């Protein structure tokens, strides 16, 4: 198995200097940059949108892994493509036609992903597995950082691992929520290939980012 990818969530970064923070996690070994977009409607929090992403895009060449926690999604797909998103992940519950939404994301030049809440069954991906490049398992209820990992989602990760292996496609299996050096190894063992982490990456300031990323992978930090 190849080394697990780390996608630091900038929701836990210092908002006063986001450009510097992104450059720091890039240098520290991040594989992707995770951007949580919340509308205060689909989830009980409000963050930022496509204009902020566009301003951040020049600060790194790493893929922007954008998770939309908004409804509706479809009217904003092109905005996020124009802003520089590489992967655009949406929730099946955010609109009436998830298949059409995924097609629109790919048509806009981005890789489509689907996010699965703790209460959403794994079977929801069965009709759309050939249309997605990423499955994001939420191991907390979306909306806020700093929550504790929900252990029951490990079984869901294992289920998705079997589905991905059976379909034969190179789908990223990502997990987000409560990931620490203690919980990450369990998610990796269950089959994830990418980990989203916020506070576990950004704690301790820029000098600690490389060590924090290595710890999530189960490696010794330098």
N, C-alpha and C. Protein backbone atom coordinates (compact mmCIF):
# COMPACT_ATOMS: atom_id res chain seq x y z
N UNK A 1 0.85 -1.20 0.00
CA UNK A 1 0.00 0.00 0.00
C UNK A 1 0.88 1.24 0.00
N UNK A 2 0.53 2.23 -0.82
CA UNK A 2 1.30 3.46 -0.88
C UNK A 2 1.06 4.31 0.37
N UNK A 3 1.94 5.24 0.60
CA UNK A 3 1.85 6.09 1.77
C UNK A 3 0.55 6.88 1.77
N UNK A 4 -0.12 6.95 2.90
CA UNK A 4 -1.39 7.67 3.00
C UNK A 4 -1.17 9.16 2.75
N UNK A 5 -2.11 9.78 2.05
CA UNK A 5 -2.05 11.21 1.79
C UNK A 5 -2.62 11.99 2.97
N UNK A 6 -2.04 13.16 3.23
CA UNK A 6 -2.53 14.04 4.28
C UNK A 6 -3.06 15.32 3.64
N UNK A 7 -4.30 15.66 3.98
CA UNK A 7 -4.95 16.84 3.44
C UNK A 7 -5.34 17.75 4.61
N UNK A 8 -4.44 18.65 5.03
CA UNK A 8 -4.73 19.50 6.18
C UNK A 8 -5.92 20.43 5.92
N UNK A 9 -6.80 20.50 6.90
CA UNK A 9 -7.98 21.36 6.79
C UNK A 9 -7.63 22.77 7.26
N UNK A 10 -7.73 23.73 6.34
CA UNK A 10 -7.36 25.10 6.70
C UNK A 10 -8.38 25.75 7.63
N UNK A 11 -9.46 25.02 7.95
CA UNK A 11 -10.40 25.53 8.95
C UNK A 11 -9.72 25.74 10.29
N UNK A 12 -8.63 25.00 10.54
CA UNK A 12 -7.89 25.12 11.80
C UNK A 12 -6.67 26.03 11.68
N UNK A 13 -6.45 26.61 10.51
CA UNK A 13 -5.30 27.50 10.32
C UNK A 13 -5.59 28.88 10.90
N UNK A 14 -4.56 29.71 10.93
CA UNK A 14 -4.71 31.10 11.36
C UNK A 14 -5.29 31.91 10.20
N UNK A 15 -6.54 32.32 10.33
CA UNK A 15 -7.23 33.01 9.24
C UNK A 15 -6.60 34.37 8.92
N UNK A 16 -5.83 34.90 9.84
CA UNK A 16 -5.20 36.20 9.60
C UNK A 16 -4.05 36.11 8.62
N UNK A 17 -3.55 34.88 8.39
CA UNK A 17 -2.42 34.71 7.46
C UNK A 17 -2.55 33.39 6.72
N UNK A 18 -3.67 33.20 6.05
CA UNK A 18 -3.95 31.92 5.40
C UNK A 18 -2.94 31.58 4.31
N UNK A 19 -2.51 32.58 3.54
CA UNK A 19 -1.52 32.32 2.50
C UNK A 19 -0.25 31.75 3.08
N UNK A 20 0.24 32.35 4.16
CA UNK A 20 1.47 31.85 4.80
C UNK A 20 1.26 30.45 5.36
N UNK A 21 0.09 30.21 5.93
CA UNK A 21 -0.20 28.89 6.50
C UNK A 21 -0.21 27.82 5.41
N UNK A 22 -0.79 28.13 4.27
CA UNK A 22 -0.83 27.16 3.18
C UNK A 22 0.58 26.86 2.66
N UNK A 23 1.39 27.89 2.53
CA UNK A 23 2.77 27.66 2.10
C UNK A 23 3.52 26.80 3.11
N UNK A 24 3.23 27.01 4.39
CA UNK A 24 3.92 26.25 5.44
C UNK A 24 3.54 24.77 5.42
N UNK A 25 2.26 24.47 5.25
CA UNK A 25 1.87 23.05 5.24
C UNK A 25 2.29 22.37 3.93
N UNK A 26 2.38 23.15 2.86
CA UNK A 26 2.91 22.62 1.61
C UNK A 26 4.36 22.18 1.83
N UNK A 27 5.16 23.06 2.38
CA UNK A 27 6.56 22.75 2.65
C UNK A 27 6.71 21.60 3.64
N UNK A 28 5.77 21.49 4.57
CA UNK A 28 5.84 20.47 5.62
C UNK A 28 5.45 19.08 5.13
N UNK A 29 4.95 18.98 3.90
CA UNK A 29 4.67 17.66 3.35
C UNK A 29 3.22 17.33 3.10
N UNK A 30 2.33 18.33 3.13
CA UNK A 30 0.93 18.07 2.80
C UNK A 30 0.81 17.61 1.36
N UNK A 31 -0.11 16.68 1.12
CA UNK A 31 -0.34 16.18 -0.24
C UNK A 31 -1.44 16.96 -0.95
N UNK A 32 -2.42 17.41 -0.18
CA UNK A 32 -3.53 18.22 -0.69
C UNK A 32 -3.86 19.28 0.35
N UNK A 33 -4.64 20.26 -0.06
CA UNK A 33 -5.11 21.30 0.86
C UNK A 33 -6.62 21.15 0.96
N UNK A 34 -7.11 20.86 2.17
CA UNK A 34 -8.54 20.62 2.36
C UNK A 34 -9.24 21.93 2.74
N UNK A 35 -10.27 22.25 1.98
CA UNK A 35 -10.99 23.51 2.17
C UNK A 35 -12.46 23.18 2.48
N UNK A 36 -12.90 23.52 3.68
CA UNK A 36 -14.27 23.26 4.11
C UNK A 36 -15.13 24.48 3.86
N UNK A 37 -16.10 24.34 2.96
CA UNK A 37 -17.00 25.44 2.61
C UNK A 37 -18.35 25.16 3.26
N UNK A 38 -18.78 26.04 4.16
CA UNK A 38 -20.03 25.86 4.91
C UNK A 38 -20.91 27.09 4.73
N UNK A 39 -22.22 26.84 4.65
CA UNK A 39 -23.15 27.93 4.32
C UNK A 39 -24.06 28.37 5.47
N UNK A 40 -23.91 27.76 6.66
CA UNK A 40 -24.79 28.13 7.77
C UNK A 40 -26.21 27.62 7.59
N UNK A 41 -26.44 26.82 6.56
CA UNK A 41 -27.78 26.31 6.26
C UNK A 41 -27.74 24.78 6.21
N UNK A 42 -26.90 24.22 5.35
CA UNK A 42 -26.76 22.77 5.28
C UNK A 42 -26.07 22.24 6.53
N UNK A 43 -25.14 23.03 7.07
CA UNK A 43 -24.50 22.72 8.35
C UNK A 43 -24.53 23.98 9.22
N UNK A 44 -24.47 23.82 10.54
CA UNK A 44 -24.62 24.97 11.43
C UNK A 44 -23.33 25.75 11.64
N UNK A 45 -22.72 26.18 10.55
CA UNK A 45 -21.52 27.01 10.65
C UNK A 45 -21.35 27.73 9.32
N UNK A 46 -20.55 28.78 9.32
CA UNK A 46 -20.33 29.60 8.14
C UNK A 46 -18.83 29.81 7.98
N UNK A 47 -18.29 29.51 6.78
CA UNK A 47 -16.86 29.70 6.60
C UNK A 47 -16.59 30.67 5.46
N UNK A 48 -16.23 30.17 4.30
CA UNK A 48 -15.86 31.04 3.19
C UNK A 48 -16.26 30.37 1.88
N UNK A 49 -16.15 31.12 0.78
CA UNK A 49 -16.58 30.59 -0.50
C UNK A 49 -15.51 30.69 -1.56
N UNK A 50 -15.95 30.63 -2.81
CA UNK A 50 -15.04 30.58 -3.95
C UNK A 50 -14.10 31.78 -4.04
N UNK A 51 -14.53 33.01 -3.73
CA UNK A 51 -13.59 34.14 -3.84
C UNK A 51 -12.35 33.99 -2.96
N UNK A 52 -12.52 33.45 -1.76
CA UNK A 52 -11.37 33.24 -0.88
C UNK A 52 -10.45 32.16 -1.45
N UNK A 53 -11.03 31.10 -1.97
CA UNK A 53 -10.23 30.03 -2.57
C UNK A 53 -9.41 30.58 -3.74
N UNK A 54 -10.00 31.43 -4.54
CA UNK A 54 -9.30 32.02 -5.68
C UNK A 54 -8.08 32.82 -5.22
N UNK A 55 -8.21 33.54 -4.10
CA UNK A 55 -7.09 34.32 -3.57
C UNK A 55 -5.99 33.42 -3.02
N UNK A 56 -6.37 32.24 -2.52
CA UNK A 56 -5.39 31.33 -1.94
C UNK A 56 -4.68 30.48 -2.98
N UNK A 57 -5.27 30.33 -4.14
CA UNK A 57 -4.75 29.42 -5.16
C UNK A 57 -3.29 29.69 -5.53
N UNK A 58 -2.83 30.94 -5.64
CA UNK A 58 -1.43 31.17 -6.03
C UNK A 58 -0.39 30.74 -4.99
N UNK A 59 -0.82 30.39 -3.79
CA UNK A 59 0.13 30.11 -2.72
C UNK A 59 0.65 28.67 -2.72
N UNK A 60 0.07 27.79 -3.56
CA UNK A 60 0.54 26.41 -3.61
C UNK A 60 0.13 25.76 -4.93
N UNK A 61 0.92 24.77 -5.35
CA UNK A 61 0.55 23.97 -6.50
C UNK A 61 -0.14 22.67 -6.10
N UNK A 62 -0.25 22.43 -4.79
CA UNK A 62 -0.91 21.21 -4.32
C UNK A 62 -2.41 21.25 -4.66
N UNK A 63 -3.01 20.08 -4.89
CA UNK A 63 -4.44 20.06 -5.21
C UNK A 63 -5.30 20.66 -4.10
N UNK A 64 -6.28 21.45 -4.49
CA UNK A 64 -7.27 21.96 -3.55
C UNK A 64 -8.42 20.95 -3.47
N UNK A 65 -8.55 20.37 -2.30
CA UNK A 65 -9.52 19.32 -1.98
C UNK A 65 -10.69 20.02 -1.28
N UNK A 66 -11.70 20.43 -2.06
CA UNK A 66 -12.75 21.31 -1.55
C UNK A 66 -14.00 20.50 -1.19
N UNK A 67 -14.42 20.63 0.05
CA UNK A 67 -15.59 19.92 0.57
C UNK A 67 -16.73 20.92 0.74
N UNK A 68 -17.76 20.77 -0.09
CA UNK A 68 -18.90 21.68 -0.03
C UNK A 68 -19.95 21.15 0.95
N UNK A 69 -20.16 21.91 2.01
CA UNK A 69 -21.26 21.64 2.94
C UNK A 69 -22.28 22.76 2.75
N UNK A 70 -22.84 22.77 1.54
CA UNK A 70 -23.78 23.81 1.16
C UNK A 70 -24.94 23.19 0.39
N UNK A 71 -26.04 23.89 0.36
CA UNK A 71 -27.19 23.48 -0.45
C UNK A 71 -27.95 24.75 -0.88
N UNK A 72 -28.24 24.86 -2.18
CA UNK A 72 -27.92 23.91 -3.24
C UNK A 72 -26.45 24.01 -3.65
N UNK A 73 -26.01 23.03 -4.44
CA UNK A 73 -24.63 22.96 -4.92
C UNK A 73 -24.50 23.45 -6.36
N UNK A 74 -25.39 22.96 -7.21
CA UNK A 74 -25.23 23.12 -8.65
C UNK A 74 -24.97 24.55 -9.14
N UNK A 75 -25.62 25.58 -8.57
CA UNK A 75 -25.38 26.93 -9.09
C UNK A 75 -23.95 27.44 -8.87
N UNK A 76 -23.18 26.77 -8.01
CA UNK A 76 -21.86 27.27 -7.63
C UNK A 76 -20.71 26.43 -8.18
N UNK A 77 -21.01 25.37 -8.90
CA UNK A 77 -19.96 24.47 -9.38
C UNK A 77 -18.94 25.21 -10.23
N UNK A 78 -19.38 25.98 -11.18
CA UNK A 78 -18.45 26.68 -12.06
C UNK A 78 -17.61 27.70 -11.29
N UNK A 79 -18.21 28.33 -10.28
CA UNK A 79 -17.47 29.30 -9.47
C UNK A 79 -16.26 28.64 -8.81
N UNK A 80 -16.44 27.43 -8.28
CA UNK A 80 -15.33 26.74 -7.62
C UNK A 80 -14.30 26.24 -8.63
N UNK A 81 -14.77 25.86 -9.81
CA UNK A 81 -13.82 25.50 -10.87
C UNK A 81 -12.97 26.70 -11.25
N UNK A 82 -13.61 27.84 -11.43
CA UNK A 82 -12.89 29.06 -11.80
C UNK A 82 -11.93 29.51 -10.69
N UNK A 83 -12.27 29.20 -9.44
CA UNK A 83 -11.43 29.60 -8.31
C UNK A 83 -10.19 28.73 -8.17
N UNK A 84 -10.19 27.56 -8.81
CA UNK A 84 -9.01 26.70 -8.76
C UNK A 84 -9.15 25.42 -7.99
N UNK A 85 -10.39 25.01 -7.67
CA UNK A 85 -10.60 23.74 -6.99
C UNK A 85 -10.21 22.59 -7.91
N UNK A 86 -9.57 21.57 -7.37
CA UNK A 86 -9.19 20.39 -8.14
C UNK A 86 -10.16 19.24 -7.90
N UNK A 87 -10.53 19.04 -6.64
CA UNK A 87 -11.52 18.03 -6.26
C UNK A 87 -12.68 18.77 -5.61
N UNK A 88 -13.90 18.45 -6.03
CA UNK A 88 -15.08 19.08 -5.44
C UNK A 88 -15.98 17.98 -4.89
N UNK A 89 -16.13 17.96 -3.58
CA UNK A 89 -16.88 16.91 -2.89
C UNK A 89 -18.19 17.46 -2.38
N UNK A 90 -19.27 16.72 -2.63
CA UNK A 90 -20.61 17.16 -2.27
C UNK A 90 -21.32 16.06 -1.48
N UNK A 91 -22.38 16.45 -0.80
CA UNK A 91 -23.20 15.50 -0.05
C UNK A 91 -24.41 15.07 -0.86
N UNK A 92 -24.76 13.78 -0.85
CA UNK A 92 -25.95 13.33 -1.57
C UNK A 92 -27.22 14.06 -1.12
N UNK A 93 -27.26 14.48 0.15
CA UNK A 93 -28.45 15.12 0.68
C UNK A 93 -28.59 16.59 0.28
N UNK A 94 -27.56 17.13 -0.40
CA UNK A 94 -27.54 18.57 -0.67
C UNK A 94 -28.35 18.96 -1.91
N UNK A 95 -28.86 17.99 -2.65
CA UNK A 95 -29.64 18.31 -3.84
C UNK A 95 -30.42 17.11 -4.30
N UNK A 96 -31.36 17.29 -5.22
CA UNK A 96 -32.24 16.20 -5.63
C UNK A 96 -31.63 15.23 -6.63
N UNK A 97 -30.53 15.63 -7.31
CA UNK A 97 -30.00 14.80 -8.39
C UNK A 97 -28.48 14.68 -8.27
N UNK A 98 -28.01 13.81 -7.37
CA UNK A 98 -26.58 13.70 -7.11
C UNK A 98 -25.83 13.27 -8.36
N UNK A 99 -26.41 12.41 -9.19
CA UNK A 99 -25.73 11.96 -10.41
C UNK A 99 -25.48 13.14 -11.34
N UNK A 100 -26.49 13.98 -11.53
CA UNK A 100 -26.33 15.15 -12.39
C UNK A 100 -25.27 16.10 -11.82
N UNK A 101 -25.27 16.28 -10.51
CA UNK A 101 -24.29 17.15 -9.88
C UNK A 101 -22.87 16.65 -10.13
N UNK A 102 -22.66 15.36 -9.96
CA UNK A 102 -21.33 14.78 -10.19
C UNK A 102 -20.89 14.94 -11.64
N UNK A 103 -21.82 14.75 -12.56
CA UNK A 103 -21.51 14.95 -13.97
C UNK A 103 -21.11 16.40 -14.25
N UNK A 104 -21.81 17.32 -13.61
CA UNK A 104 -21.52 18.75 -13.81
C UNK A 104 -20.14 19.11 -13.25
N UNK A 105 -19.76 18.51 -12.13
CA UNK A 105 -18.44 18.75 -11.55
C UNK A 105 -17.34 18.29 -12.51
N UNK A 106 -17.51 17.10 -13.07
CA UNK A 106 -16.49 16.59 -14.00
C UNK A 106 -16.47 17.42 -15.27
N UNK A 107 -17.63 17.83 -15.75
CA UNK A 107 -17.70 18.65 -16.96
C UNK A 107 -17.01 20.00 -16.77
N UNK A 108 -16.97 20.47 -15.52
CA UNK A 108 -16.32 21.74 -15.21
C UNK A 108 -14.81 21.59 -15.05
N UNK A 109 -14.30 20.36 -15.20
CA UNK A 109 -12.86 20.13 -15.15
C UNK A 109 -12.31 19.72 -13.80
N UNK A 110 -13.19 19.38 -12.85
CA UNK A 110 -12.76 18.97 -11.52
C UNK A 110 -13.05 17.49 -11.31
N UNK A 111 -12.41 16.91 -10.30
CA UNK A 111 -12.67 15.52 -9.93
C UNK A 111 -13.81 15.49 -8.91
N UNK A 112 -14.88 14.73 -9.17
CA UNK A 112 -16.02 14.72 -8.26
C UNK A 112 -15.83 13.77 -7.09
N UNK A 113 -16.27 14.24 -5.92
CA UNK A 113 -16.26 13.41 -4.73
C UNK A 113 -17.61 13.43 -4.06
N UNK A 114 -17.85 12.44 -3.21
CA UNK A 114 -19.10 12.39 -2.46
C UNK A 114 -18.76 12.21 -0.98
N UNK A 115 -19.42 13.01 -0.13
CA UNK A 115 -19.18 12.97 1.32
C UNK A 115 -20.32 12.23 2.00
N UNK A 116 -19.96 11.35 2.93
CA UNK A 116 -20.93 10.49 3.59
C UNK A 116 -20.96 10.80 5.08
N UNK A 117 -22.08 11.34 5.55
CA UNK A 117 -22.24 11.67 6.96
C UNK A 117 -22.33 10.40 7.81
N UNK A 118 -22.11 10.50 9.14
CA UNK A 118 -22.19 9.32 9.99
C UNK A 118 -23.52 8.58 9.90
N UNK A 119 -24.62 9.30 9.67
CA UNK A 119 -25.92 8.66 9.59
C UNK A 119 -26.34 8.24 8.20
N UNK A 120 -25.47 8.42 7.20
CA UNK A 120 -25.78 8.06 5.81
C UNK A 120 -25.21 6.68 5.51
N UNK A 121 -26.03 5.77 4.98
CA UNK A 121 -25.53 4.40 4.73
C UNK A 121 -24.53 4.35 3.58
N UNK A 122 -23.61 3.41 3.65
CA UNK A 122 -22.59 3.26 2.63
C UNK A 122 -23.19 2.93 1.27
N UNK A 123 -24.35 2.31 1.25
CA UNK A 123 -24.96 1.87 0.00
C UNK A 123 -25.35 3.03 -0.92
N UNK A 124 -25.35 4.25 -0.39
CA UNK A 124 -25.75 5.39 -1.21
C UNK A 124 -24.80 5.58 -2.40
N UNK A 125 -23.57 5.08 -2.30
CA UNK A 125 -22.61 5.27 -3.40
C UNK A 125 -22.76 4.22 -4.50
N UNK A 126 -23.50 3.15 -4.25
CA UNK A 126 -23.54 2.05 -5.21
C UNK A 126 -23.95 2.48 -6.62
N UNK A 127 -24.99 3.32 -6.78
CA UNK A 127 -25.39 3.70 -8.13
C UNK A 127 -24.46 4.72 -8.80
N UNK A 128 -23.55 5.32 -8.03
CA UNK A 128 -22.74 6.42 -8.56
C UNK A 128 -21.24 6.15 -8.48
N UNK A 129 -20.85 4.94 -8.11
CA UNK A 129 -19.43 4.68 -7.85
C UNK A 129 -18.57 4.88 -9.10
N UNK A 130 -19.15 4.70 -10.27
CA UNK A 130 -18.38 4.91 -11.51
C UNK A 130 -18.26 6.38 -11.88
N UNK A 131 -18.92 7.25 -11.12
CA UNK A 131 -18.93 8.68 -11.42
C UNK A 131 -18.14 9.50 -10.41
N UNK A 132 -17.49 8.84 -9.45
CA UNK A 132 -16.78 9.57 -8.40
C UNK A 132 -15.31 9.19 -8.38
N UNK A 133 -14.48 10.14 -7.97
CA UNK A 133 -13.05 9.92 -7.83
C UNK A 133 -12.61 9.94 -6.37
N UNK A 134 -13.54 10.29 -5.47
CA UNK A 134 -13.20 10.36 -4.04
C UNK A 134 -14.44 10.07 -3.22
N UNK A 135 -14.27 9.29 -2.18
CA UNK A 135 -15.31 9.10 -1.16
C UNK A 135 -14.76 9.65 0.14
N UNK A 136 -15.48 10.60 0.72
CA UNK A 136 -15.09 11.22 1.99
C UNK A 136 -16.01 10.71 3.09
N UNK A 137 -15.46 9.92 3.99
CA UNK A 137 -16.21 9.41 5.13
C UNK A 137 -16.09 10.42 6.27
N UNK A 138 -17.23 10.97 6.68
CA UNK A 138 -17.23 11.90 7.81
C UNK A 138 -17.28 11.10 9.10
N UNK A 139 -16.21 11.19 9.88
CA UNK A 139 -16.14 10.48 11.16
C UNK A 139 -16.54 11.39 12.31
N UNK A 140 -17.13 12.53 11.98
CA UNK A 140 -17.86 13.41 12.90
C UNK A 140 -19.04 13.95 12.11
N UNK A 141 -20.01 14.55 12.80
CA UNK A 141 -21.07 15.25 12.09
C UNK A 141 -20.53 16.58 11.60
N UNK A 142 -20.73 16.89 10.32
CA UNK A 142 -20.07 18.06 9.74
C UNK A 142 -20.59 19.38 10.32
N UNK A 143 -19.68 20.37 10.34
CA UNK A 143 -20.08 21.70 10.78
C UNK A 143 -19.05 22.38 11.66
N UNK A 144 -18.31 21.60 12.44
CA UNK A 144 -17.36 22.19 13.36
C UNK A 144 -16.09 21.34 13.45
N UNK A 145 -14.96 21.97 13.66
CA UNK A 145 -13.73 21.26 13.92
C UNK A 145 -13.62 20.89 15.38
N UNK A 146 -12.62 20.06 15.69
CA UNK A 146 -12.33 19.73 17.09
C UNK A 146 -13.23 18.68 17.71
N UNK A 147 -14.04 17.96 16.91
CA UNK A 147 -14.91 16.93 17.46
C UNK A 147 -14.17 15.60 17.60
N UNK A 148 -14.77 14.69 18.36
CA UNK A 148 -14.15 13.39 18.60
C UNK A 148 -14.54 12.39 17.51
N UNK A 149 -13.61 11.52 17.17
CA UNK A 149 -13.79 10.49 16.16
C UNK A 149 -14.92 9.54 16.56
N UNK A 150 -15.84 9.25 15.62
CA UNK A 150 -16.95 8.33 15.86
C UNK A 150 -16.50 6.94 15.41
N UNK A 151 -16.29 6.05 16.37
CA UNK A 151 -15.70 4.74 16.09
C UNK A 151 -16.49 3.91 15.09
N UNK A 152 -17.82 4.05 15.09
CA UNK A 152 -18.64 3.22 14.21
C UNK A 152 -18.33 3.45 12.74
N UNK A 153 -17.69 4.57 12.40
CA UNK A 153 -17.40 4.85 11.00
C UNK A 153 -16.26 3.99 10.45
N UNK A 154 -15.53 3.31 11.33
CA UNK A 154 -14.49 2.39 10.86
C UNK A 154 -15.10 1.26 10.03
N UNK A 155 -16.27 0.77 10.45
CA UNK A 155 -16.94 -0.29 9.69
C UNK A 155 -17.38 0.22 8.33
N UNK A 156 -17.78 1.49 8.29
CA UNK A 156 -18.18 2.07 7.00
C UNK A 156 -16.97 2.22 6.09
N UNK A 157 -15.84 2.62 6.65
CA UNK A 157 -14.61 2.70 5.85
C UNK A 157 -14.27 1.33 5.27
N UNK A 158 -14.37 0.29 6.07
CA UNK A 158 -14.09 -1.06 5.59
C UNK A 158 -15.04 -1.44 4.45
N UNK A 159 -16.30 -1.05 4.57
CA UNK A 159 -17.28 -1.33 3.52
C UNK A 159 -16.91 -0.62 2.23
N UNK A 160 -16.52 0.64 2.34
CA UNK A 160 -16.11 1.38 1.14
C UNK A 160 -14.85 0.80 0.53
N UNK A 161 -13.93 0.32 1.37
CA UNK A 161 -12.71 -0.28 0.84
C UNK A 161 -13.05 -1.48 -0.05
N UNK A 162 -14.00 -2.29 0.42
CA UNK A 162 -14.41 -3.46 -0.37
C UNK A 162 -15.07 -3.03 -1.68
N UNK A 163 -15.91 -2.01 -1.61
CA UNK A 163 -16.59 -1.53 -2.82
C UNK A 163 -15.59 -0.99 -3.84
N UNK A 164 -14.62 -0.22 -3.37
CA UNK A 164 -13.61 0.35 -4.28
C UNK A 164 -12.77 -0.75 -4.90
N UNK A 165 -12.34 -1.70 -4.09
CA UNK A 165 -11.53 -2.80 -4.62
C UNK A 165 -12.31 -3.61 -5.64
N UNK A 166 -13.61 -3.78 -5.41
CA UNK A 166 -14.43 -4.58 -6.31
C UNK A 166 -14.66 -3.88 -7.65
N UNK A 167 -14.76 -2.56 -7.62
CA UNK A 167 -15.06 -1.83 -8.87
C UNK A 167 -13.81 -1.62 -9.72
N UNK A 168 -12.64 -1.73 -9.10
CA UNK A 168 -11.40 -1.65 -9.86
C UNK A 168 -10.99 -0.25 -10.27
N UNK A 169 -11.61 0.76 -9.70
CA UNK A 169 -11.26 2.13 -10.05
C UNK A 169 -10.36 2.74 -8.98
N UNK A 170 -9.56 3.71 -9.37
CA UNK A 170 -8.63 4.36 -8.45
C UNK A 170 -9.34 5.51 -7.74
N UNK A 171 -10.15 5.16 -6.76
CA UNK A 171 -10.95 6.12 -6.00
C UNK A 171 -10.24 6.41 -4.68
N UNK A 172 -10.03 7.68 -4.37
CA UNK A 172 -9.45 8.07 -3.09
C UNK A 172 -10.48 7.80 -2.00
N UNK A 173 -10.08 7.11 -0.95
CA UNK A 173 -10.94 6.89 0.22
C UNK A 173 -10.40 7.76 1.35
N UNK A 174 -11.14 8.80 1.65
CA UNK A 174 -10.69 9.84 2.58
C UNK A 174 -11.57 9.83 3.83
N UNK A 175 -10.99 10.22 4.95
CA UNK A 175 -11.74 10.31 6.20
C UNK A 175 -11.47 11.67 6.84
N UNK A 176 -12.50 12.22 7.46
CA UNK A 176 -12.39 13.56 8.05
C UNK A 176 -13.18 13.61 9.35
N UNK A 177 -12.48 14.01 10.43
CA UNK A 177 -13.16 14.22 11.70
C UNK A 177 -12.50 13.50 12.86
N UNK A 178 -11.88 14.26 13.75
CA UNK A 178 -11.29 13.67 14.94
C UNK A 178 -10.04 12.85 14.69
N UNK A 179 -9.34 13.13 13.58
CA UNK A 179 -8.13 12.36 13.26
C UNK A 179 -6.94 12.91 14.03
N UNK A 180 -6.27 12.02 14.75
CA UNK A 180 -5.10 12.31 15.55
C UNK A 180 -4.09 11.19 15.34
N UNK A 181 -2.87 11.32 15.86
CA UNK A 181 -1.93 10.20 15.76
C UNK A 181 -2.44 8.92 16.42
N UNK A 182 -3.44 9.04 17.29
CA UNK A 182 -4.02 7.86 17.94
C UNK A 182 -5.13 7.23 17.09
N UNK A 183 -5.98 8.05 16.45
CA UNK A 183 -7.09 7.50 15.67
C UNK A 183 -6.73 7.24 14.21
N UNK A 184 -5.78 7.97 13.67
CA UNK A 184 -5.42 7.81 12.26
C UNK A 184 -4.99 6.39 11.91
N UNK A 185 -4.15 5.71 12.73
CA UNK A 185 -3.75 4.35 12.36
C UNK A 185 -4.93 3.39 12.22
N UNK A 186 -5.98 3.61 12.99
CA UNK A 186 -7.15 2.73 12.89
C UNK A 186 -7.86 2.96 11.57
N UNK A 187 -7.94 4.22 11.14
CA UNK A 187 -8.57 4.53 9.86
C UNK A 187 -7.73 3.98 8.70
N UNK A 188 -6.41 4.09 8.82
CA UNK A 188 -5.52 3.56 7.79
C UNK A 188 -5.67 2.04 7.69
N UNK A 189 -5.72 1.38 8.83
CA UNK A 189 -5.89 -0.07 8.84
C UNK A 189 -7.21 -0.48 8.21
N UNK A 190 -8.24 0.35 8.37
CA UNK A 190 -9.56 0.05 7.80
C UNK A 190 -9.58 0.26 6.29
N UNK A 191 -8.59 1.01 5.75
CA UNK A 191 -8.50 1.10 4.30
C UNK A 191 -8.47 2.47 3.69
N UNK A 192 -8.38 3.54 4.49
CA UNK A 192 -8.35 4.87 3.88
C UNK A 192 -7.02 5.12 3.18
N UNK A 193 -7.07 5.99 2.17
CA UNK A 193 -5.85 6.38 1.47
C UNK A 193 -5.54 7.86 1.63
N UNK A 194 -6.45 8.59 2.31
CA UNK A 194 -6.22 10.01 2.57
C UNK A 194 -6.87 10.39 3.89
N UNK A 195 -6.18 11.26 4.64
CA UNK A 195 -6.64 11.72 5.95
C UNK A 195 -6.74 13.23 5.95
N UNK A 196 -7.91 13.71 6.37
CA UNK A 196 -8.10 15.15 6.60
C UNK A 196 -7.91 15.40 8.09
N UNK A 197 -7.09 16.39 8.41
CA UNK A 197 -6.89 16.73 9.82
C UNK A 197 -6.70 18.23 9.93
N UNK A 198 -7.29 18.81 10.96
CA UNK A 198 -7.17 20.23 11.19
C UNK A 198 -6.26 20.55 12.35
N UNK A 199 -6.81 20.45 13.56
CA UNK A 199 -6.04 20.82 14.74
C UNK A 199 -4.82 19.92 14.93
N UNK A 200 -4.90 18.66 14.49
CA UNK A 200 -3.76 17.74 14.65
C UNK A 200 -2.58 18.16 13.78
N UNK A 201 -2.84 18.89 12.69
CA UNK A 201 -1.76 19.39 11.84
C UNK A 201 -1.27 20.75 12.33
N UNK A 202 -2.21 21.65 12.64
CA UNK A 202 -1.86 23.04 12.86
C UNK A 202 -1.44 23.36 14.30
N UNK A 203 -1.53 22.41 15.21
CA UNK A 203 -1.12 22.69 16.58
C UNK A 203 0.39 22.88 16.65
N UNK A 204 0.81 23.81 17.48
CA UNK A 204 2.24 24.00 17.72
C UNK A 204 2.94 24.97 16.79
N UNK A 205 2.21 25.52 15.81
CA UNK A 205 2.82 26.48 14.91
C UNK A 205 3.60 25.83 13.78
N UNK A 206 4.06 26.67 12.85
CA UNK A 206 4.66 26.18 11.60
C UNK A 206 5.84 25.25 11.82
N UNK A 207 6.61 25.47 12.87
CA UNK A 207 7.77 24.61 13.12
C UNK A 207 7.37 23.17 13.42
N UNK A 208 6.10 22.96 13.82
CA UNK A 208 5.64 21.61 14.18
C UNK A 208 4.88 20.92 13.07
N UNK A 209 4.58 21.60 11.97
CA UNK A 209 3.69 21.03 10.96
C UNK A 209 4.25 19.75 10.34
N UNK A 210 5.53 19.71 10.02
CA UNK A 210 6.11 18.52 9.42
C UNK A 210 6.03 17.33 10.37
N UNK A 211 6.32 17.57 11.65
CA UNK A 211 6.24 16.49 12.64
C UNK A 211 4.79 16.02 12.79
N UNK A 212 3.86 16.96 12.79
CA UNK A 212 2.46 16.60 12.95
C UNK A 212 1.96 15.77 11.78
N UNK A 213 2.35 16.14 10.58
CA UNK A 213 1.93 15.39 9.38
C UNK A 213 2.54 13.99 9.41
N UNK A 214 3.82 13.90 9.77
CA UNK A 214 4.48 12.59 9.86
C UNK A 214 3.81 11.71 10.91
N UNK A 215 3.41 12.31 12.03
CA UNK A 215 2.77 11.54 13.10
C UNK A 215 1.44 10.96 12.65
N UNK A 216 0.69 11.70 11.83
CA UNK A 216 -0.58 11.18 11.32
C UNK A 216 -0.36 10.00 10.40
N UNK A 217 0.75 9.99 9.69
CA UNK A 217 1.08 8.86 8.81
C UNK A 217 1.67 7.68 9.58
N UNK A 218 1.99 7.91 10.85
CA UNK A 218 2.63 6.86 11.62
C UNK A 218 4.13 6.81 11.40
N UNK A 219 4.68 7.93 10.90
CA UNK A 219 6.12 8.02 10.67
C UNK A 219 6.78 8.81 11.79
N UNK A 220 8.07 8.68 11.90
CA UNK A 220 8.82 9.49 12.86
C UNK A 220 9.07 10.85 12.25
N UNK A 221 8.67 11.93 12.94
CA UNK A 221 8.92 13.27 12.46
C UNK A 221 10.40 13.61 12.51
N UNK A 222 10.80 14.52 11.65
CA UNK A 222 12.20 14.92 11.62
C UNK A 222 12.41 16.17 12.48
